[in-house]
Amino acid sequence: MRLKFEKNKQKEILQNFRKEKHILWKEFAKRLNIPFGRLKAYVDETSLISREIYEKIDPDKKYSRFLLEEREENWGKKKGGKNSAGNTKTIIFPRDSETLSEFYGIMLGDGNSHRTKSYKKGTYMIRIVGDSKLDKDYLVNYVKPLIEGLFGIQVSVRYFKNKNAIYLESHSRELILFLEGKGFPPGNKIKNCLRIPSWVKNNPLFLSNCIRGLFDTDGSVYKITNQNSYQINFTNYNLGLLMDVRNGLIALGISCSQISKGNSLYITKKSELRKFLKAIGFCNPRHINKIKEWKLAPWSSGQ
C-alpha cells in the first residue's frame, strides 16, 4: 500500500528520521534498500512511500494523524483504466545482470535520460538515438525488446524530421529513478561525468556486456586503407568514460592503444581483435556484417 500524507509531511518524516540517526542521504537509501533517486522522489513528494517504509521510519506512528489515505500499489492504473502517460507507470526492477549491464552500456553510448518538472506534472523519459539506415535493425529488433523485457515497459520507435536519425523512446518516472540509483542521473552525460559504475566494473561478465553496449553504439570497425589490417575504434568525448573503457579492456585481457586525440582508442593487432570478438563481440548488425567480410575467424556476435 502507498500512503498519502498532508503536504510536506512525508518530507518531514524522512528528514526527521535522517537527523535522528545522523546519517547521510545515500546511507539512508541503502538502509531502506531503495535507489538514491527514489529516496529523492520521496523527499520531493513526487512519489508516495509504502507502508513498509513508513513503519521503518516512524515506528511510533507519530505522523499517523497526518495520513490522508492509503492507495493500492497500482492505484494509478485503476484510476485511469490503464497506465497514464506519465508518472504512474510501474516497471520491473531488474537485478544486476549481464543484460542490465549491456543496457547500461548502450545508454552510456547513445542514450540519454531526461527529467523536466512542472507544476503537478513532469516529463520522465529515456531516448536512444542512432542512424536511421545503419542502426535501425539493431535498435528495433535488438535494443527495443531488450528494454521491454528488462523493465516491462513499452518502447516507441520514432524518427527525427529532416534528419537521418531514428530513436527509441520510453516514458517512465520509475525508470528514471531506477537509473539514477544505478549511477545514471538525468541530464548531460558529459557534464555529469558519467562513468562505468563499480557494480559493473567488479564483475567481468557485467563488464564485457557493458563494453559491448558501448562499442555497439559508439564503436566502429573498418579495414585500414591500402593495408591488410583492420581496426576496431571507440570514440567518446567523455575522457573519464574513455579511461574506464580502456582499463576495462585491459582487465579483460585485451590490449588497445592509448587514448588518441582525447576522444578515441583503437584495437589493431589481429590477436587482440580476435580476443575482443571472442570475449565481447557485437550485437549491432552494422558491425557484424563488416567483420564477416574480414574472414578473421574465430569471431563472435556477442549473442
Protein backbone atom coordinates (compact mmCIF):
# COMPACT_ATOMS: atom_id res chain seq x y z
CA MET A 1 0.00 0.00 0.00
CA ARG A 2 1.07 3.58 -0.74
CA LEU A 3 0.44 6.27 1.85
CA LYS A 4 -0.60 9.83 1.10
CA PHE A 5 0.11 12.35 3.84
CA GLU A 6 -0.73 16.01 4.19
CA LYS A 7 1.51 18.24 2.10
CA ASN A 8 5.16 18.34 3.27
CA LYS A 9 4.57 15.75 5.99
CA GLN A 10 6.15 12.87 4.05
CA LYS A 11 9.23 15.04 3.53
CA GLU A 12 9.26 15.94 7.21
CA ILE A 13 9.11 12.31 8.32
CA LEU A 14 12.10 11.41 6.16
CA GLN A 15 14.15 14.42 7.20
CA ASN A 16 13.49 13.85 10.90
CA PHE A 17 14.49 10.20 10.70
CA ARG A 18 17.76 11.06 8.93
CA LYS A 19 18.62 13.70 11.53
CA GLU A 20 17.82 11.38 14.43
CA LYS A 21 20.06 8.65 13.01
CA HIS A 22 22.81 11.10 11.96
CA ILE A 23 23.21 9.51 8.53
CA LEU A 24 23.82 10.85 5.03
CA TRP A 25 21.10 10.63 2.38
CA LYS A 26 22.90 7.90 0.41
CA GLU A 27 23.36 5.84 3.55
CA PHE A 28 19.67 6.43 4.29
CA ALA A 29 18.73 5.00 0.86
CA LYS A 30 20.89 1.92 1.49
CA ARG A 31 19.24 1.40 4.86
CA LEU A 32 15.82 1.46 3.19
CA ASN A 33 17.14 -0.78 0.39
CA ILE A 34 15.95 1.59 -2.33
CA PRO A 35 17.78 3.56 -5.06
CA PHE A 36 19.01 7.00 -4.01
CA GLY A 37 16.94 8.53 -6.83
CA ARG A 38 13.77 7.04 -5.40
CA LEU A 39 14.54 8.41 -1.96
CA LYS A 40 14.89 11.85 -3.54
CA ALA A 41 11.48 11.39 -5.15
CA TYR A 42 10.00 10.55 -1.75
CA VAL A 43 11.56 13.68 -0.22
CA ASP A 44 10.29 15.79 -3.13
CA GLU A 45 6.89 14.12 -2.62
CA THR A 46 6.66 13.24 -6.30
CA SER A 47 6.22 9.60 -5.25
CA LEU A 48 4.30 8.11 -2.30
CA ILE A 49 6.09 5.99 0.29
CA SER A 50 4.94 2.46 1.04
CA ARG A 51 3.51 1.36 4.37
CA GLU A 52 6.58 -0.85 4.85
CA ILE A 53 8.94 2.13 4.59
CA TYR A 54 6.71 4.31 6.77
CA GLU A 55 6.76 1.76 9.57
CA LYS A 56 10.55 1.71 9.44
CA ILE A 57 10.99 5.47 9.72
CA ASP A 58 8.10 6.21 12.11
CA PRO A 59 7.73 3.09 14.30
CA ASP A 60 5.80 5.06 16.94
CA LYS A 61 3.37 6.31 14.29
CA LYS A 62 3.72 9.92 15.38
CA TYR A 63 2.67 11.11 11.93
CA SER A 64 -0.30 8.78 11.50
CA ARG A 65 -2.64 11.66 12.29
CA PHE A 66 -1.47 13.36 9.08
CA LEU A 67 -2.31 10.36 6.90
CA LEU A 68 -4.99 11.23 4.35
CA GLU A 69 -5.47 7.93 2.53
CA GLU A 70 -3.97 4.59 1.56
CA ARG A 71 -3.68 3.60 -2.08
CA GLU A 72 -3.04 0.23 -3.67
CA GLU A 73 0.26 -0.24 -5.48
CA ASN A 74 -1.45 0.02 -8.90
CA TRP A 75 -3.76 2.88 -7.92
CA GLY A 76 -2.78 4.92 -10.97
CA LYS A 77 -3.70 2.09 -13.29
CA LYS A 78 -7.09 1.54 -11.64
CA LYS A 79 -7.87 5.23 -11.57
CA GLY A 80 -7.42 5.73 -15.29
CA GLY A 81 -8.36 2.28 -16.51
CA LYS A 82 -4.80 1.95 -17.81
CA ASN A 83 -1.38 3.31 -17.01
CA SER A 84 -1.44 7.02 -17.65
CA ALA A 85 1.19 8.52 -19.94
CA GLY A 86 3.31 9.96 -17.18
CA ASN A 87 4.30 9.25 -13.63
CA THR A 88 2.04 6.34 -12.62
CA LYS A 89 3.62 3.70 -14.86
CA THR A 90 5.06 0.81 -12.90
CA ILE A 91 8.09 -1.13 -14.10
CA ILE A 92 10.01 -4.28 -13.33
CA PHE A 93 13.07 -3.51 -11.22
CA PRO A 94 15.73 -5.92 -12.54
CA ARG A 95 18.59 -7.29 -10.53
CA ASP A 96 22.17 -6.63 -11.59
CA SER A 97 22.78 -8.85 -14.60
CA GLU A 98 24.60 -9.17 -17.91
CA THR A 99 21.55 -7.83 -19.73
CA LEU A 100 21.20 -4.83 -17.43
CA SER A 101 24.93 -4.14 -17.87
CA GLU A 102 24.59 -4.20 -21.65
CA PHE A 103 21.64 -1.80 -21.48
CA TYR A 104 23.71 0.47 -19.24
CA GLY A 105 26.50 0.46 -21.85
CA ILE A 106 24.01 1.30 -24.61
CA MET A 107 22.74 4.23 -22.54
CA LEU A 108 26.30 5.45 -21.87
CA GLY A 109 26.87 5.35 -25.63
CA ASP A 110 23.81 6.63 -27.49
CA GLY A 111 21.27 7.03 -24.69
CA ASN A 112 20.03 9.90 -22.58
CA SER A 113 17.83 10.20 -19.51
CA HIS A 114 15.54 13.24 -19.29
CA ARG A 115 13.57 14.75 -16.44
CA THR A 116 11.66 18.02 -16.59
CA LYS A 117 9.48 19.24 -13.75
CA SER A 118 6.46 21.49 -13.80
CA TYR A 119 3.50 22.08 -11.51
CA LYS A 120 1.80 18.74 -10.75
CA LYS A 121 3.30 17.25 -13.89
CA GLY A 122 6.68 16.27 -15.20
CA THR A 123 8.28 14.52 -18.14
CA TYR A 124 10.46 11.50 -17.47
CA MET A 125 11.89 9.57 -20.40
CA ILE A 126 14.85 7.77 -21.88
CA ARG A 127 15.91 8.14 -25.50
CA ILE A 128 18.42 6.14 -27.57
CA VAL A 129 19.40 7.61 -30.94
CA GLY A 130 21.01 6.02 -33.99
CA ASP A 131 21.39 6.24 -37.75
CA SER A 132 18.02 5.51 -39.37
CA LYS A 133 19.63 3.30 -42.03
CA LEU A 134 22.63 1.73 -40.35
CA ASP A 135 21.26 1.24 -36.83
CA LYS A 136 17.57 0.57 -37.48
CA ASP A 137 17.87 -3.22 -37.34
CA TYR A 138 19.88 -3.05 -34.11
CA LEU A 139 17.58 -0.57 -32.34
CA VAL A 140 14.24 -2.01 -33.46
CA ASN A 141 14.99 -5.74 -33.36
CA TYR A 142 17.53 -5.93 -30.55
CA VAL A 143 17.55 -2.92 -28.20
CA LYS A 144 13.77 -2.35 -28.13
CA PRO A 145 12.88 -5.90 -26.99
CA LEU A 146 15.88 -5.88 -24.61
CA ILE A 147 14.47 -2.83 -22.78
CA GLU A 148 10.89 -4.10 -22.84
CA GLY A 149 12.00 -7.44 -21.41
CA LEU A 150 14.16 -5.87 -18.72
CA PHE A 151 11.67 -3.34 -17.38
CA GLY A 152 8.27 -4.49 -18.63
CA ILE A 153 7.59 -1.14 -20.32
CA GLN A 154 6.55 -0.03 -23.78
CA VAL A 155 9.22 1.40 -26.08
CA SER A 156 8.28 3.56 -29.08
CA VAL A 157 10.20 3.85 -32.35
CA ARG A 158 10.36 7.36 -33.79
CA TYR A 159 12.22 9.34 -36.45
CA PHE A 160 13.58 12.88 -36.48
CA LYS A 161 12.13 15.00 -39.25
CA ASN A 162 14.59 16.02 -41.98
CA LYS A 163 17.35 14.01 -40.32
CA ASN A 164 18.84 10.61 -40.99
CA ALA A 165 18.15 9.54 -37.41
CA ILE A 166 15.96 7.05 -35.57
CA TYR A 167 15.35 6.88 -31.84
CA LEU A 168 13.76 4.69 -29.22
CA GLU A 169 11.78 6.44 -26.50
CA SER A 170 10.09 5.33 -23.32
CA HIS A 171 8.34 7.43 -20.65
CA SER A 172 8.56 6.30 -17.04
CA ARG A 173 9.39 8.15 -13.85
CA GLU A 174 10.18 4.88 -12.13
CA LEU A 175 12.75 4.01 -14.82
CA ILE A 176 14.45 7.40 -14.50
CA LEU A 177 14.65 6.99 -10.72
CA PHE A 178 15.96 3.44 -11.09
CA LEU A 179 18.70 4.56 -13.48
CA GLU A 180 19.65 7.40 -11.16
CA GLY A 181 20.03 4.89 -8.36
CA LYS A 182 22.35 2.84 -10.58
CA GLY A 183 24.59 5.85 -11.27
CA PHE A 184 22.93 7.31 -14.38
CA PRO A 185 21.26 10.64 -13.45
CA PRO A 186 19.18 12.66 -15.93
CA GLY A 187 20.85 15.40 -17.94
CA ASN A 188 24.01 15.90 -19.98
CA LYS A 189 26.21 12.81 -19.73
CA ILE A 190 29.49 14.66 -20.23
CA LYS A 191 28.66 17.41 -17.73
CA ASN A 192 27.57 14.72 -15.29
CA CYS A 193 30.87 12.88 -15.95
CA LEU A 194 29.11 9.52 -16.30
CA ARG A 195 31.39 6.50 -15.89
CA ILE A 196 31.11 2.73 -15.84
CA PRO A 197 29.81 2.12 -12.28
CA SER A 198 31.56 -0.10 -9.77
CA TRP A 199 28.77 -2.70 -9.77
CA VAL A 200 29.69 -3.33 -13.42
CA LYS A 201 33.48 -2.99 -13.12
CA ASN A 202 33.68 -5.53 -10.31
CA ASN A 203 32.10 -8.35 -12.34
CA PRO A 204 33.95 -9.48 -15.53
CA LEU A 205 30.74 -10.72 -17.20
CA PHE A 206 28.92 -7.46 -16.46
CA LEU A 207 31.95 -5.50 -17.68
CA SER A 208 32.20 -7.33 -21.00
CA ASN A 209 28.48 -6.84 -21.65
CA CYS A 210 28.63 -3.15 -20.76
CA ILE A 211 31.60 -2.64 -23.08
CA ARG A 212 29.71 -4.44 -25.85
CA GLY A 213 26.85 -1.97 -25.47
CA LEU A 214 29.32 0.90 -25.69
CA PHE A 215 31.06 -0.43 -28.80
CA ASP A 216 27.74 -1.30 -30.48
CA THR A 217 26.74 2.35 -30.16
CA ASP A 218 29.94 4.43 -30.17
CA GLY A 219 32.27 1.97 -31.87
CA SER A 220 33.25 1.42 -35.49
CA VAL A 221 35.03 -1.30 -37.46
CA TYR A 222 36.92 -0.90 -40.71
CA LYS A 223 39.77 -2.08 -42.93
CA ILE A 224 42.79 0.22 -42.92
CA THR A 225 43.26 1.77 -46.37
CA ASN A 226 45.84 0.03 -48.58
CA GLN A 227 46.71 -2.44 -45.83
CA ASN A 228 45.73 -5.97 -44.97
CA SER A 229 44.91 -4.75 -41.49
CA TYR A 230 41.74 -3.98 -39.57
CA GLN A 231 40.76 -1.80 -36.65
CA ILE A 232 38.04 -1.53 -34.06
CA ASN A 233 37.66 2.02 -32.83
CA PHE A 234 35.81 3.55 -29.89
CA THR A 235 35.11 7.29 -29.81
CA ASN A 236 33.59 9.29 -26.98
CA TYR A 237 34.08 12.83 -25.69
CA ASN A 238 33.87 11.87 -22.01
CA LEU A 239 37.52 11.34 -21.03
CA GLY A 240 36.63 9.58 -17.80
CA LEU A 241 34.46 7.08 -19.68
CA LEU A 242 37.24 6.54 -22.26
CA MET A 243 39.62 5.71 -19.43
CA ASP A 244 37.09 3.27 -17.96
CA VAL A 245 36.68 1.53 -21.33
CA ARG A 246 40.45 1.27 -21.83
CA ASN A 247 41.00 -0.05 -18.32
CA GLY A 248 38.09 -2.43 -18.77
CA LEU A 249 39.55 -3.87 -21.98
CA ILE A 250 42.91 -4.39 -20.30
CA ALA A 251 41.21 -6.04 -17.30
CA LEU A 252 39.57 -8.46 -19.75
CA GLY A 253 42.97 -9.27 -21.29
CA ILE A 254 42.60 -7.17 -24.45
CA SER A 255 45.39 -4.76 -25.41
CA CYS A 256 44.46 -1.47 -27.04
CA SER A 257 46.03 1.86 -27.90
CA GLN A 258 46.49 4.83 -25.63
CA ILE A 259 43.70 7.41 -25.81
CA SER A 260 44.25 9.37 -29.03
CA LYS A 261 43.23 12.99 -29.70
CA GLY A 262 41.43 12.98 -26.36
CA ASN A 263 38.43 11.08 -27.74
CA SER A 264 39.43 7.74 -29.32
CA LEU A 265 41.13 4.42 -28.71
CA TYR A 266 41.90 1.57 -31.12
CA ILE A 267 42.34 -2.19 -31.25
CA THR A 268 44.58 -3.14 -34.17
CA LYS A 269 46.62 -6.31 -33.64
CA LYS A 270 44.92 -9.36 -35.11
CA SER A 271 45.47 -11.31 -31.91
CA GLU A 272 43.72 -8.58 -29.89
CA LEU A 273 40.92 -8.25 -32.44
CA ARG A 274 40.26 -11.97 -32.04
CA LYS A 275 40.28 -11.63 -28.25
CA PHE A 276 37.78 -8.77 -28.45
CA LEU A 277 35.46 -10.60 -30.82
CA LYS A 278 35.54 -13.73 -28.66
CA ALA A 279 35.21 -12.08 -25.23
CA ILE A 280 32.93 -9.16 -26.10
CA GLY A 281 31.78 -9.16 -29.72
CA PHE A 282 29.00 -7.12 -31.27
CA CYS A 283 25.22 -7.30 -31.47
CA ASN A 284 24.82 -4.41 -33.92
CA PRO A 285 24.46 -5.84 -37.47
CA ARG A 286 26.24 -2.81 -38.98
CA HIS A 287 29.43 -4.05 -37.26
CA ILE A 288 28.78 -7.78 -37.56
CA ASN A 289 28.34 -7.61 -41.32
CA LYS A 290 31.68 -5.82 -41.76
CA ILE A 291 33.51 -8.31 -39.57
CA LYS A 292 32.15 -11.24 -41.55
CA GLU A 293 33.89 -9.77 -44.59
CA TRP A 294 37.22 -9.78 -42.74
CA LYS A 295 37.27 -13.58 -42.50
CA LEU A 296 39.04 -13.14 -39.19
CA ALA A 297 37.98 -16.38 -37.51
CA PRO A 298 37.13 -17.06 -34.80
CA TRP A 299 34.69 -14.19 -34.28
CA SER A 300 31.59 -13.71 -32.17
CA SER A 301 28.46 -11.59 -32.48
CA GLY A 302 28.18 -11.44 -28.71
CA GLN A 303 24.81 -13.22 -28.85
